[in-house]
Amino acid sequence: MTYVVTDNCIRCKYMDCVEVCPVDCFYEGENMLVIHPDECIDCGVCEPECPAEAIKPDTEPNLDKWLQLNAEYADKWPNITVKREAPADAKERDGETGKFEKYFSAEAGEGD
């Protein structure tokens, strides 16, 4: 089992999770984070730290798309281990529907 980052992270991109991850398995895109499934040790400490509740265990139903997306972009984006500020409009975007279709960017973030 692994944890995956889902669409509610898009344009929220809170980074509380990266600070607590003991194995540094988060990777940063332009407007979201992903978890590398081969590096995640299933400790679960990141899940309760996410204010947007965007981190889920891959055992929950209908997360195959997100597991694939996390795996793909974790190999393309830079590693992130240091918490930075969330976007200014993160609270307004939290819970918005259709975020993947509207806002997803394949561009890499800054990383560490």
N, C-alpha and C. Protein backbone atom coordinates (compact mmCIF):
# COMPACT_ATOMS: atom_id res chain seq x y z
N MET A 1 0.85 -1.19 0.00
CA MET A 1 0.00 0.00 0.00
C MET A 1 0.88 1.24 0.00
N THR A 2 0.33 2.29 -0.55
CA THR A 2 0.99 3.58 -0.55
C THR A 2 -0.08 4.66 -0.37
N TYR A 3 0.36 5.85 -0.16
CA TYR A 3 -0.56 6.99 -0.13
C TYR A 3 -0.44 7.73 -1.44
N VAL A 4 -1.51 8.39 -1.85
CA VAL A 4 -1.50 9.16 -3.10
C VAL A 4 -2.07 10.54 -2.85
N VAL A 5 -1.60 11.48 -3.63
CA VAL A 5 -2.13 12.84 -3.59
C VAL A 5 -3.20 12.92 -4.66
N THR A 6 -4.36 13.47 -4.32
CA THR A 6 -5.49 13.54 -5.24
C THR A 6 -5.73 14.99 -5.69
N ASP A 7 -6.78 15.17 -6.46
CA ASP A 7 -7.03 16.45 -7.13
C ASP A 7 -7.24 17.64 -6.22
N ASN A 8 -7.63 17.45 -4.98
CA ASN A 8 -7.84 18.62 -4.13
C ASN A 8 -6.54 19.35 -3.80
N CYS A 9 -5.41 18.71 -4.05
CA CYS A 9 -4.12 19.39 -3.84
C CYS A 9 -3.88 20.46 -4.91
N ILE A 10 -4.47 20.26 -6.09
CA ILE A 10 -4.23 21.18 -7.20
C ILE A 10 -4.69 22.59 -6.82
N ARG A 11 -3.77 23.52 -6.95
CA ARG A 11 -3.95 24.94 -6.64
C ARG A 11 -4.16 25.22 -5.16
N CYS A 12 -4.08 24.19 -4.30
CA CYS A 12 -4.02 24.40 -2.85
C CYS A 12 -2.57 24.26 -2.43
N LYS A 13 -1.99 23.11 -2.78
CA LYS A 13 -0.55 22.83 -2.61
C LYS A 13 -0.02 23.26 -1.24
N TYR A 14 -0.75 22.84 -0.22
CA TYR A 14 -0.23 23.01 1.13
C TYR A 14 0.97 22.07 1.26
N MET A 15 1.96 22.44 2.00
CA MET A 15 3.15 21.61 2.09
C MET A 15 3.43 21.08 3.50
N ASP A 16 2.40 21.04 4.32
CA ASP A 16 2.56 20.50 5.67
C ASP A 16 3.04 19.05 5.62
N CYS A 17 2.61 18.33 4.61
CA CYS A 17 2.94 16.91 4.46
C CYS A 17 4.42 16.65 4.24
N VAL A 18 5.08 17.51 3.48
CA VAL A 18 6.49 17.26 3.17
C VAL A 18 7.37 17.37 4.41
N GLU A 19 6.95 18.18 5.33
CA GLU A 19 7.72 18.40 6.55
C GLU A 19 7.75 17.18 7.47
N VAL A 20 6.70 16.37 7.43
CA VAL A 20 6.61 15.23 8.34
C VAL A 20 7.02 13.90 7.70
N CYS A 21 7.22 13.88 6.40
CA CYS A 21 7.53 12.62 5.71
C CYS A 21 8.93 12.13 6.08
N PRO A 22 9.02 10.94 6.69
CA PRO A 22 10.33 10.45 7.13
C PRO A 22 11.22 9.95 5.99
N VAL A 23 10.65 9.73 4.80
CA VAL A 23 11.45 9.20 3.69
C VAL A 23 11.52 10.16 2.50
N ASP A 24 11.02 11.38 2.67
CA ASP A 24 11.12 12.41 1.62
C ASP A 24 10.61 11.92 0.26
N CYS A 25 9.39 11.39 0.24
CA CYS A 25 8.86 10.83 -1.00
C CYS A 25 7.89 11.77 -1.74
N PHE A 26 7.91 13.07 -1.41
CA PHE A 26 7.05 14.04 -2.10
C PHE A 26 7.82 14.72 -3.23
N TYR A 27 7.11 14.97 -4.31
CA TYR A 27 7.69 15.62 -5.49
C TYR A 27 6.77 16.76 -5.88
N GLU A 28 7.39 17.85 -6.37
CA GLU A 28 6.64 19.09 -6.56
C GLU A 28 6.41 19.44 -8.03
N GLY A 29 5.14 19.59 -8.35
CA GLY A 29 4.75 20.14 -9.64
C GLY A 29 4.46 21.62 -9.50
N GLU A 30 4.16 22.25 -10.60
CA GLU A 30 3.87 23.69 -10.58
C GLU A 30 2.75 24.04 -9.62
N ASN A 31 1.68 23.20 -9.59
CA ASN A 31 0.55 23.56 -8.73
C ASN A 31 -0.01 22.42 -7.89
N MET A 32 0.78 21.36 -7.71
CA MET A 32 0.39 20.28 -6.80
C MET A 32 1.61 19.45 -6.43
N LEU A 33 1.44 18.57 -5.47
CA LEU A 33 2.47 17.64 -5.05
C LEU A 33 2.03 16.22 -5.42
N VAL A 34 2.99 15.30 -5.51
CA VAL A 34 2.69 13.88 -5.68
C VAL A 34 3.59 13.08 -4.74
N ILE A 35 3.20 11.84 -4.50
CA ILE A 35 3.97 10.91 -3.67
C ILE A 35 4.53 9.82 -4.57
N HIS A 36 5.81 9.52 -4.42
CA HIS A 36 6.41 8.43 -5.19
C HIS A 36 5.97 7.11 -4.54
N PRO A 37 5.19 6.28 -5.26
CA PRO A 37 4.65 5.07 -4.64
C PRO A 37 5.71 4.04 -4.26
N ASP A 38 6.84 4.04 -4.93
CA ASP A 38 7.90 3.08 -4.59
C ASP A 38 8.74 3.54 -3.41
N GLU A 39 8.61 4.80 -3.02
CA GLU A 39 9.37 5.33 -1.89
C GLU A 39 8.54 5.44 -0.62
N CYS A 40 7.23 5.55 -0.78
CA CYS A 40 6.32 5.68 0.37
C CYS A 40 6.39 4.41 1.21
N ILE A 41 6.54 4.57 2.51
CA ILE A 41 6.61 3.41 3.42
C ILE A 41 5.29 3.16 4.14
N ASP A 42 4.24 3.82 3.72
CA ASP A 42 2.91 3.59 4.27
C ASP A 42 2.82 3.89 5.76
N CYS A 43 3.55 4.90 6.20
CA CYS A 43 3.50 5.25 7.62
C CYS A 43 2.25 6.05 7.96
N GLY A 44 1.72 6.79 6.98
CA GLY A 44 0.48 7.52 7.19
C GLY A 44 0.59 8.85 7.90
N VAL A 45 1.79 9.30 8.25
CA VAL A 45 1.89 10.57 8.99
C VAL A 45 1.50 11.77 8.14
N CYS A 46 1.59 11.67 6.83
CA CYS A 46 1.25 12.80 5.96
C CYS A 46 -0.25 13.05 5.86
N GLU A 47 -1.04 12.00 5.89
CA GLU A 47 -2.48 12.12 5.65
C GLU A 47 -3.16 13.13 6.58
N PRO A 48 -2.99 13.03 7.90
CA PRO A 48 -3.68 13.99 8.78
C PRO A 48 -3.09 15.41 8.72
N GLU A 49 -1.91 15.56 8.15
CA GLU A 49 -1.27 16.88 8.08
C GLU A 49 -1.81 17.73 6.93
N CYS A 50 -2.49 17.12 5.98
CA CYS A 50 -2.97 17.85 4.80
C CYS A 50 -4.25 18.61 5.11
N PRO A 51 -4.20 19.96 5.13
CA PRO A 51 -5.40 20.74 5.42
C PRO A 51 -6.51 20.55 4.38
N ALA A 52 -6.13 20.18 3.15
CA ALA A 52 -7.11 20.01 2.08
C ALA A 52 -7.63 18.58 1.99
N GLU A 53 -7.14 17.70 2.87
CA GLU A 53 -7.52 16.29 2.85
C GLU A 53 -7.35 15.67 1.46
N ALA A 54 -6.23 16.00 0.81
CA ALA A 54 -5.95 15.54 -0.54
C ALA A 54 -5.11 14.26 -0.57
N ILE A 55 -4.67 13.78 0.57
CA ILE A 55 -3.85 12.57 0.63
C ILE A 55 -4.71 11.42 1.11
N LYS A 56 -4.70 10.33 0.31
CA LYS A 56 -5.54 9.17 0.61
C LYS A 56 -4.71 7.89 0.49
N PRO A 57 -5.07 6.84 1.24
CA PRO A 57 -4.43 5.54 1.03
C PRO A 57 -4.92 4.95 -0.29
N ASP A 58 -4.04 4.28 -1.01
CA ASP A 58 -4.44 3.76 -2.32
C ASP A 58 -5.43 2.60 -2.23
N THR A 59 -5.77 2.19 -1.02
CA THR A 59 -6.78 1.14 -0.85
C THR A 59 -8.20 1.69 -0.95
N GLU A 60 -8.35 3.00 -0.93
CA GLU A 60 -9.69 3.57 -1.10
C GLU A 60 -10.13 3.37 -2.55
N PRO A 61 -11.43 3.21 -2.79
CA PRO A 61 -11.91 2.96 -4.16
C PRO A 61 -11.68 4.16 -5.09
N ASN A 62 -11.54 3.85 -6.36
CA ASN A 62 -11.47 4.84 -7.45
C ASN A 62 -10.24 5.74 -7.40
N LEU A 63 -9.12 5.23 -6.91
CA LEU A 63 -7.90 6.03 -6.86
C LEU A 63 -6.85 5.57 -7.88
N ASP A 64 -7.20 4.65 -8.76
CA ASP A 64 -6.23 4.14 -9.75
C ASP A 64 -5.63 5.26 -10.59
N LYS A 65 -6.47 6.17 -11.04
CA LYS A 65 -6.00 7.31 -11.84
C LYS A 65 -4.95 8.10 -11.07
N TRP A 66 -5.19 8.31 -9.79
CA TRP A 66 -4.29 9.12 -8.97
C TRP A 66 -3.00 8.39 -8.64
N LEU A 67 -3.08 7.07 -8.47
CA LEU A 67 -1.87 6.28 -8.25
C LEU A 67 -0.98 6.36 -9.48
N GLN A 68 -1.56 6.24 -10.65
CA GLN A 68 -0.79 6.34 -11.90
C GLN A 68 -0.20 7.73 -12.07
N LEU A 69 -0.99 8.77 -11.80
CA LEU A 69 -0.50 10.14 -11.94
C LEU A 69 0.64 10.41 -10.96
N ASN A 70 0.50 9.96 -9.71
CA ASN A 70 1.56 10.14 -8.72
C ASN A 70 2.84 9.45 -9.17
N ALA A 71 2.73 8.22 -9.64
CA ALA A 71 3.90 7.46 -10.09
C ALA A 71 4.58 8.14 -11.28
N GLU A 72 3.79 8.57 -12.24
CA GLU A 72 4.34 9.21 -13.44
C GLU A 72 5.09 10.50 -13.12
N TYR A 73 4.47 11.38 -12.36
CA TYR A 73 5.07 12.69 -12.13
C TYR A 73 6.13 12.68 -11.03
N ALA A 74 6.11 11.69 -10.15
CA ALA A 74 7.19 11.58 -9.15
C ALA A 74 8.52 11.30 -9.85
N ASP A 75 8.46 10.67 -11.02
CA ASP A 75 9.68 10.41 -11.80
C ASP A 75 10.12 11.62 -12.63
N LYS A 76 9.25 12.61 -12.75
CA LYS A 76 9.55 13.78 -13.60
C LYS A 76 9.81 15.05 -12.81
N TRP A 77 9.18 15.18 -11.65
CA TRP A 77 9.25 16.40 -10.88
C TRP A 77 10.35 16.32 -9.82
N PRO A 78 10.84 17.48 -9.34
CA PRO A 78 11.89 17.48 -8.32
C PRO A 78 11.36 17.13 -6.92
N ASN A 79 12.22 16.55 -6.13
CA ASN A 79 11.91 16.21 -4.76
C ASN A 79 11.73 17.48 -3.93
N ILE A 80 10.78 17.43 -3.00
CA ILE A 80 10.53 18.56 -2.11
C ILE A 80 10.49 18.05 -0.67
N THR A 81 11.29 18.66 0.20
CA THR A 81 11.35 18.25 1.60
C THR A 81 11.15 19.41 2.56
N VAL A 82 11.07 20.61 2.01
CA VAL A 82 10.96 21.82 2.83
C VAL A 82 9.61 22.49 2.58
N LYS A 83 8.89 22.75 3.66
CA LYS A 83 7.59 23.41 3.54
C LYS A 83 7.76 24.86 3.12
N ARG A 84 6.97 25.26 2.13
CA ARG A 84 6.88 26.67 1.74
C ARG A 84 5.42 27.09 1.87
N GLU A 85 5.19 28.37 1.66
CA GLU A 85 3.84 28.90 1.78
C GLU A 85 2.93 28.35 0.68
N ALA A 86 1.69 28.12 1.03
CA ALA A 86 0.68 27.72 0.05
C ALA A 86 0.32 28.92 -0.81
N PRO A 87 -0.26 28.69 -1.98
CA PRO A 87 -0.71 29.82 -2.81
C PRO A 87 -1.70 30.71 -2.04
N ALA A 88 -1.71 31.97 -2.39
CA ALA A 88 -2.56 32.94 -1.69
C ALA A 88 -4.04 32.58 -1.74
N ASP A 89 -4.47 31.93 -2.83
CA ASP A 89 -5.89 31.58 -2.98
C ASP A 89 -6.19 30.12 -2.61
N ALA A 90 -5.30 29.48 -1.87
CA ALA A 90 -5.46 28.06 -1.53
C ALA A 90 -6.78 27.78 -0.81
N LYS A 91 -7.15 28.60 0.15
CA LYS A 91 -8.39 28.36 0.90
C LYS A 91 -9.61 28.45 -0.01
N GLU A 92 -9.58 29.36 -0.96
CA GLU A 92 -10.72 29.51 -1.88
C GLU A 92 -10.82 28.32 -2.83
N ARG A 93 -9.71 27.69 -3.16
CA ARG A 93 -9.68 26.55 -4.09
C ARG A 93 -9.97 25.22 -3.39
N ASP A 94 -9.83 25.18 -2.08
CA ASP A 94 -10.05 23.95 -1.32
C ASP A 94 -11.48 23.46 -1.51
N GLY A 95 -11.63 22.23 -2.01
CA GLY A 95 -12.95 21.66 -2.20
C GLY A 95 -13.59 21.95 -3.54
N GLU A 96 -12.96 22.77 -4.35
CA GLU A 96 -13.49 23.08 -5.68
C GLU A 96 -13.54 21.80 -6.52
N THR A 97 -14.58 21.63 -7.28
CA THR A 97 -14.70 20.44 -8.13
C THR A 97 -14.10 20.70 -9.51
N GLY A 98 -13.69 19.61 -10.17
CA GLY A 98 -13.16 19.70 -11.52
C GLY A 98 -11.79 20.34 -11.61
N LYS A 99 -11.04 20.30 -10.54
CA LYS A 99 -9.74 20.97 -10.52
C LYS A 99 -8.73 20.38 -11.50
N PHE A 100 -8.75 19.06 -11.68
CA PHE A 100 -7.80 18.45 -12.61
C PHE A 100 -8.04 18.97 -14.02
N GLU A 101 -9.26 18.95 -14.46
CA GLU A 101 -9.59 19.39 -15.81
C GLU A 101 -9.32 20.88 -16.01
N LYS A 102 -9.56 21.67 -14.98
CA LYS A 102 -9.40 23.12 -15.09
C LYS A 102 -7.96 23.60 -14.91
N TYR A 103 -7.21 22.97 -13.99
CA TYR A 103 -5.96 23.59 -13.56
C TYR A 103 -4.70 22.73 -13.61
N PHE A 104 -4.82 21.42 -13.78
CA PHE A 104 -3.62 20.59 -13.67
C PHE A 104 -2.53 21.06 -14.64
N SER A 105 -1.30 21.12 -14.13
CA SER A 105 -0.14 21.48 -14.94
C SER A 105 0.89 20.37 -14.82
N ALA A 106 1.41 19.92 -15.94
CA ALA A 106 2.48 18.91 -15.95
C ALA A 106 3.85 19.52 -15.72
N GLU A 107 3.90 20.85 -15.60
CA GLU A 107 5.19 21.52 -15.39
C GLU A 107 5.73 21.22 -14.00
N ALA A 108 7.04 21.14 -13.91
CA ALA A 108 7.70 20.88 -12.62
C ALA A 108 7.66 22.11 -11.73
N GLY A 109 7.71 21.86 -10.44
CA GLY A 109 7.85 22.94 -9.46
C GLY A 109 9.32 23.22 -9.20
N GLU A 110 9.58 23.96 -8.14
CA GLU A 110 10.95 24.35 -7.79
C GLU A 110 11.75 23.23 -7.14
N GLY A 111 11.10 22.43 -6.31
CA GLY A 111 11.82 21.43 -5.53
C GLY A 111 12.64 22.14 -4.45
N ASP A 112 13.55 21.41 -3.84
CA ASP A 112 14.37 21.98 -2.77
C ASP A 112 15.42 22.93 -3.29
